[in-house]
Amino acid sequence: MLNKKVKEIMTENVITTTSDIDVVYAFEKLMEHKISCLPVVEDDKLIGIITATDVGHNLILDKYELGTSVKEIMIESVVTVSPEDDIETAIQIMKESVSSSGILNQLPVVEDGKLVGIISDGDIIQEVF
């Protein structure tokens, strides 16, 4: 099972945002769709990512001014995986790329700089167990 390709279990229709959106609206999108991250794209190219944990925490602490855009707060160096990588590689990347919360539970799937999917720890668990 661990030798299956990422493309076989990834979610293809990824909910995304653009960098010019207000952080509050992006957070509403995260909550509405019950997802933990939003890849930031421009012309289908992945340029960053925001997480519900980071945005929610900072909203509660009132760290954003009205009108703060996603571009101002997004993580630009995004850890990704290829659709041709196997699940074991995705797990290894998740383990080696620990975020500030201690868990990297989503990996955008990128091919030639273009966002083609996303794989989560939940997708992997469902496949393996």
C-alpha atoms as a PDB file:
ATOM      1  CA  MET A   1       0.000   0.000   0.000  1.00  0.00           C
ATOM      2  CA  LEU A   2       2.826   2.419   0.785  1.00  0.00           C
ATOM      3  CA  ASN A   3       4.111   2.023  -2.762  1.00  0.00           C
ATOM      4  CA  LYS A   4       0.909   3.480  -4.251  1.00  0.00           C
ATOM      5  CA  LYS A   5       1.372   6.812  -5.984  1.00  0.00           C
ATOM      6  CA  VAL A   6       0.238  10.045  -4.335  1.00  0.00           C
ATOM      7  CA  LYS A   7      -1.915  10.765  -7.403  1.00  0.00           C
ATOM      8  CA  GLU A   8      -3.983   7.647  -6.635  1.00  0.00           C
ATOM      9  CA  ILE A   9      -5.255   8.953  -3.281  1.00  0.00           C
ATOM     10  CA  MET A  10      -4.915  12.743  -3.466  1.00  0.00           C
ATOM     11  CA  THR A  11      -7.838  15.144  -3.595  1.00  0.00           C
ATOM     12  CA  GLU A  12      -7.828  16.794  -7.007  1.00  0.00           C
ATOM     13  CA  ASN A  13     -10.335  19.626  -6.666  1.00  0.00           C
ATOM     14  CA  VAL A  14      -8.436  21.682  -4.123  1.00  0.00           C
ATOM     15  CA  ILE A  15     -10.082  24.646  -2.418  1.00  0.00           C
ATOM     16  CA  THR A  16      -7.653  27.534  -2.790  1.00  0.00           C
ATOM     17  CA  THR A  17      -7.342  31.263  -2.338  1.00  0.00           C
ATOM     18  CA  THR A  18      -5.488  34.081  -4.005  1.00  0.00           C
ATOM     19  CA  SER A  19      -2.990  36.347  -2.295  1.00  0.00           C
ATOM     20  CA  ASP A  20      -5.108  39.504  -2.504  1.00  0.00           C
ATOM     21  CA  ILE A  21      -7.982  38.154  -0.370  1.00  0.00           C
ATOM     22  CA  ASP A  22      -8.484  39.577   3.134  1.00  0.00           C
ATOM     23  CA  VAL A  23      -7.317  37.214   5.879  1.00  0.00           C
ATOM     24  CA  VAL A  24     -10.767  37.276   7.517  1.00  0.00           C
ATOM     25  CA  TYR A  25     -12.422  36.056   4.303  1.00  0.00           C
ATOM     26  CA  ALA A  26      -9.790  33.364   3.872  1.00  0.00           C
ATOM     27  CA  PHE A  27     -10.408  32.181   7.441  1.00  0.00           C
ATOM     28  CA  GLU A  28     -14.152  32.090   6.754  1.00  0.00           C
ATOM     29  CA  LYS A  29     -13.423  29.890   3.721  1.00  0.00           C
ATOM     30  CA  LEU A  30     -11.353  27.542   5.878  1.00  0.00           C
ATOM     31  CA  MET A  31     -14.181  27.251   8.403  1.00  0.00           C
ATOM     32  CA  GLU A  32     -16.949  26.966   5.797  1.00  0.00           C
ATOM     33  CA  HIS A  33     -15.255  24.026   4.073  1.00  0.00           C
ATOM     34  CA  LYS A  34     -13.909  22.509   7.316  1.00  0.00           C
ATOM     35  CA  ILE A  35     -10.370  22.321   5.999  1.00  0.00           C
ATOM     36  CA  SER A  36      -7.088  22.954   7.762  1.00  0.00           C
ATOM     37  CA  CYS A  37      -5.190  24.810   5.047  1.00  0.00           C
ATOM     38  CA  LEU A  38      -5.630  26.894   1.940  1.00  0.00           C
ATOM     39  CA  PRO A  39      -3.035  26.778  -0.792  1.00  0.00           C
ATOM     40  CA  VAL A  40      -2.470  30.243  -2.268  1.00  0.00           C
ATOM     41  CA  VAL A  41      -2.395  30.200  -6.059  1.00  0.00           C
ATOM     42  CA  GLU A  42      -1.910  32.625  -8.917  1.00  0.00           C
ATOM     43  CA  ASP A  43      -2.560  31.286 -12.439  1.00  0.00           C
ATOM     44  CA  ASP A  44      -2.684  27.699 -11.049  1.00  0.00           C
ATOM     45  CA  LYS A  45       0.842  28.130  -9.643  1.00  0.00           C
ATOM     46  CA  LEU A  46       1.325  27.495  -5.935  1.00  0.00           C
ATOM     47  CA  ILE A  47       2.829  30.609  -4.337  1.00  0.00           C
ATOM     48  CA  GLY A  48       2.086  30.007  -0.657  1.00  0.00           C
ATOM     49  CA  ILE A  49      -0.166  28.443   1.961  1.00  0.00           C
ATOM     50  CA  ILE A  50      -2.092  29.495   5.049  1.00  0.00           C
ATOM     51  CA  THR A  51      -3.328  27.260   7.847  1.00  0.00           C
ATOM     52  CA  ALA A  52      -6.449  27.472   9.974  1.00  0.00           C
ATOM     53  CA  THR A  53      -4.347  27.070  13.106  1.00  0.00           C
ATOM     54  CA  ASP A  54      -2.023  29.978  12.331  1.00  0.00           C
ATOM     55  CA  VAL A  55      -4.715  32.319  11.028  1.00  0.00           C
ATOM     56  CA  GLY A  56      -7.230  31.506  13.765  1.00  0.00           C
ATOM     57  CA  HIS A  57      -4.669  31.911  16.528  1.00  0.00           C
ATOM     58  CA  ASN A  58      -3.518  35.271  15.201  1.00  0.00           C
ATOM     59  CA  LEU A  59      -7.078  36.501  14.656  1.00  0.00           C
ATOM     60  CA  ILE A  60      -7.879  35.692  18.292  1.00  0.00           C
ATOM     61  CA  LEU A  61      -4.770  37.583  19.400  1.00  0.00           C
ATOM     62  CA  ASP A  62      -5.879  40.492  17.192  1.00  0.00           C
ATOM     63  CA  LYS A  63      -2.565  40.491  15.304  1.00  0.00           C
ATOM     64  CA  TYR A  64      -4.100  41.475  11.962  1.00  0.00           C
ATOM     65  CA  GLU A  65      -5.331  44.902  11.025  1.00  0.00           C
ATOM     66  CA  LEU A  66      -8.503  45.280   8.971  1.00  0.00           C
ATOM     67  CA  GLY A  67      -7.544  44.747   5.358  1.00  0.00           C
ATOM     68  CA  THR A  68      -4.579  42.423   6.011  1.00  0.00           C
ATOM     69  CA  SER A  69      -4.183  40.317   2.876  1.00  0.00           C
ATOM     70  CA  VAL A  70      -3.275  36.668   2.573  1.00  0.00           C
ATOM     71  CA  LYS A  71      -0.065  37.738   0.802  1.00  0.00           C
ATOM     72  CA  GLU A  72       1.119  39.469   3.986  1.00  0.00           C
ATOM     73  CA  ILE A  73       0.792  36.357   6.154  1.00  0.00           C
ATOM     74  CA  MET A  74       1.154  33.327   3.890  1.00  0.00           C
ATOM     75  CA  ILE A  75       3.975  30.837   4.188  1.00  0.00           C
ATOM     76  CA  GLU A  76       5.917  31.154   0.953  1.00  0.00           C
ATOM     77  CA  SER A  77       8.278  28.197   1.265  1.00  0.00           C
ATOM     78  CA  VAL A  78       5.676  25.464   0.935  1.00  0.00           C
ATOM     79  CA  VAL A  79       6.599  21.831   1.445  1.00  0.00           C
ATOM     80  CA  THR A  80       5.129  19.825  -1.433  1.00  0.00           C
ATOM     81  CA  VAL A  81       5.040  16.375  -2.932  1.00  0.00           C
ATOM     82  CA  SER A  82       4.877  15.156  -6.541  1.00  0.00           C
ATOM     83  CA  PRO A  83       1.913  13.151  -7.864  1.00  0.00           C
ATOM     84  CA  GLU A  84       4.418  10.487  -8.927  1.00  0.00           C
ATOM     85  CA  ASP A  85       5.880  10.097  -5.419  1.00  0.00           C
ATOM     86  CA  ASP A  86       4.730   7.099  -3.436  1.00  0.00           C
ATOM     87  CA  ILE A  87       2.802   7.290  -0.176  1.00  0.00           C
ATOM     88  CA  GLU A  88       5.867   6.278   1.821  1.00  0.00           C
ATOM     89  CA  THR A  89       7.731   9.310   0.438  1.00  0.00           C
ATOM     90  CA  ALA A  90       4.806  11.574   1.370  1.00  0.00           C
ATOM     91  CA  ILE A  91       4.882  10.207   4.934  1.00  0.00           C
ATOM     92  CA  GLN A  92       8.631  10.783   5.139  1.00  0.00           C
ATOM     93  CA  ILE A  93       8.238  14.376   3.910  1.00  0.00           C
ATOM     94  CA  MET A  94       5.515  14.987   6.521  1.00  0.00           C
ATOM     95  CA  LYS A  95       7.766  13.586   9.267  1.00  0.00           C
ATOM     96  CA  GLU A  96      10.832  15.587   8.222  1.00  0.00           C
ATOM     97  CA  SER A  97       9.002  18.872   7.661  1.00  0.00           C
ATOM     98  CA  VAL A  98       7.532  19.496  11.079  1.00  0.00           C
ATOM     99  CA  SER A  99       5.652  22.797  11.350  1.00  0.00           C
ATOM    100  CA  SER A 100       5.401  25.123  14.350  1.00  0.00           C
ATOM    101  CA  SER A 101       2.384  23.147  15.579  1.00  0.00           C
ATOM    102  CA  GLY A 102       4.440  19.954  15.498  1.00  0.00           C
ATOM    103  CA  ILE A 103       2.412  18.353  12.711  1.00  0.00           C
ATOM    104  CA  LEU A 104       2.481  18.736   8.954  1.00  0.00           C
ATOM    105  CA  ASN A 105      -0.829  17.173   8.034  1.00  0.00           C
ATOM    106  CA  GLN A 106      -1.388  18.453   4.490  1.00  0.00           C
ATOM    107  CA  LEU A 107       0.910  18.339   1.479  1.00  0.00           C
ATOM    108  CA  PRO A 108       0.052  20.226  -1.684  1.00  0.00           C
ATOM    109  CA  VAL A 109       0.718  18.072  -4.743  1.00  0.00           C
ATOM    110  CA  VAL A 110       2.629  20.029  -7.362  1.00  0.00           C
ATOM    111  CA  GLU A 111       3.664  19.177 -10.895  1.00  0.00           C
ATOM    112  CA  ASP A 112       5.768  21.669 -12.880  1.00  0.00           C
ATOM    113  CA  GLY A 113       4.922  24.365 -10.313  1.00  0.00           C
ATOM    114  CA  LYS A 114       1.188  23.838 -10.839  1.00  0.00           C
ATOM    115  CA  LEU A 115      -1.065  22.749  -7.977  1.00  0.00           C
ATOM    116  CA  VAL A 116      -2.711  19.485  -9.059  1.00  0.00           C
ATOM    117  CA  GLY A 117      -3.976  18.140  -5.735  1.00  0.00           C
ATOM    118  CA  ILE A 118      -3.526  17.823  -2.002  1.00  0.00           C
ATOM    119  CA  ILE A 119      -2.889  14.847   0.234  1.00  0.00           C
ATOM    120  CA  SER A 120      -3.590  14.750   3.949  1.00  0.00           C
ATOM    121  CA  ASP A 121      -2.598  12.522   6.811  1.00  0.00           C
ATOM    122  CA  GLY A 122      -6.245  11.401   6.842  1.00  0.00           C
ATOM    123  CA  ASP A 123      -6.013  10.291   3.191  1.00  0.00           C
ATOM    124  CA  ILE A 124      -2.939   8.245   4.059  1.00  0.00           C
ATOM    125  CA  ILE A 125      -4.498   6.686   7.156  1.00  0.00           C
ATOM    126  CA  GLN A 126      -7.610   5.676   5.209  1.00  0.00           C
ATOM    127  CA  GLU A 127      -5.442   4.066   2.559  1.00  0.00           C
ATOM    128  CA  VAL A 128      -3.105   2.219   4.914  1.00  0.00           C
ATOM    129  CA  PHE A 129      -5.668   1.033   7.443  1.00  0.00           C
END
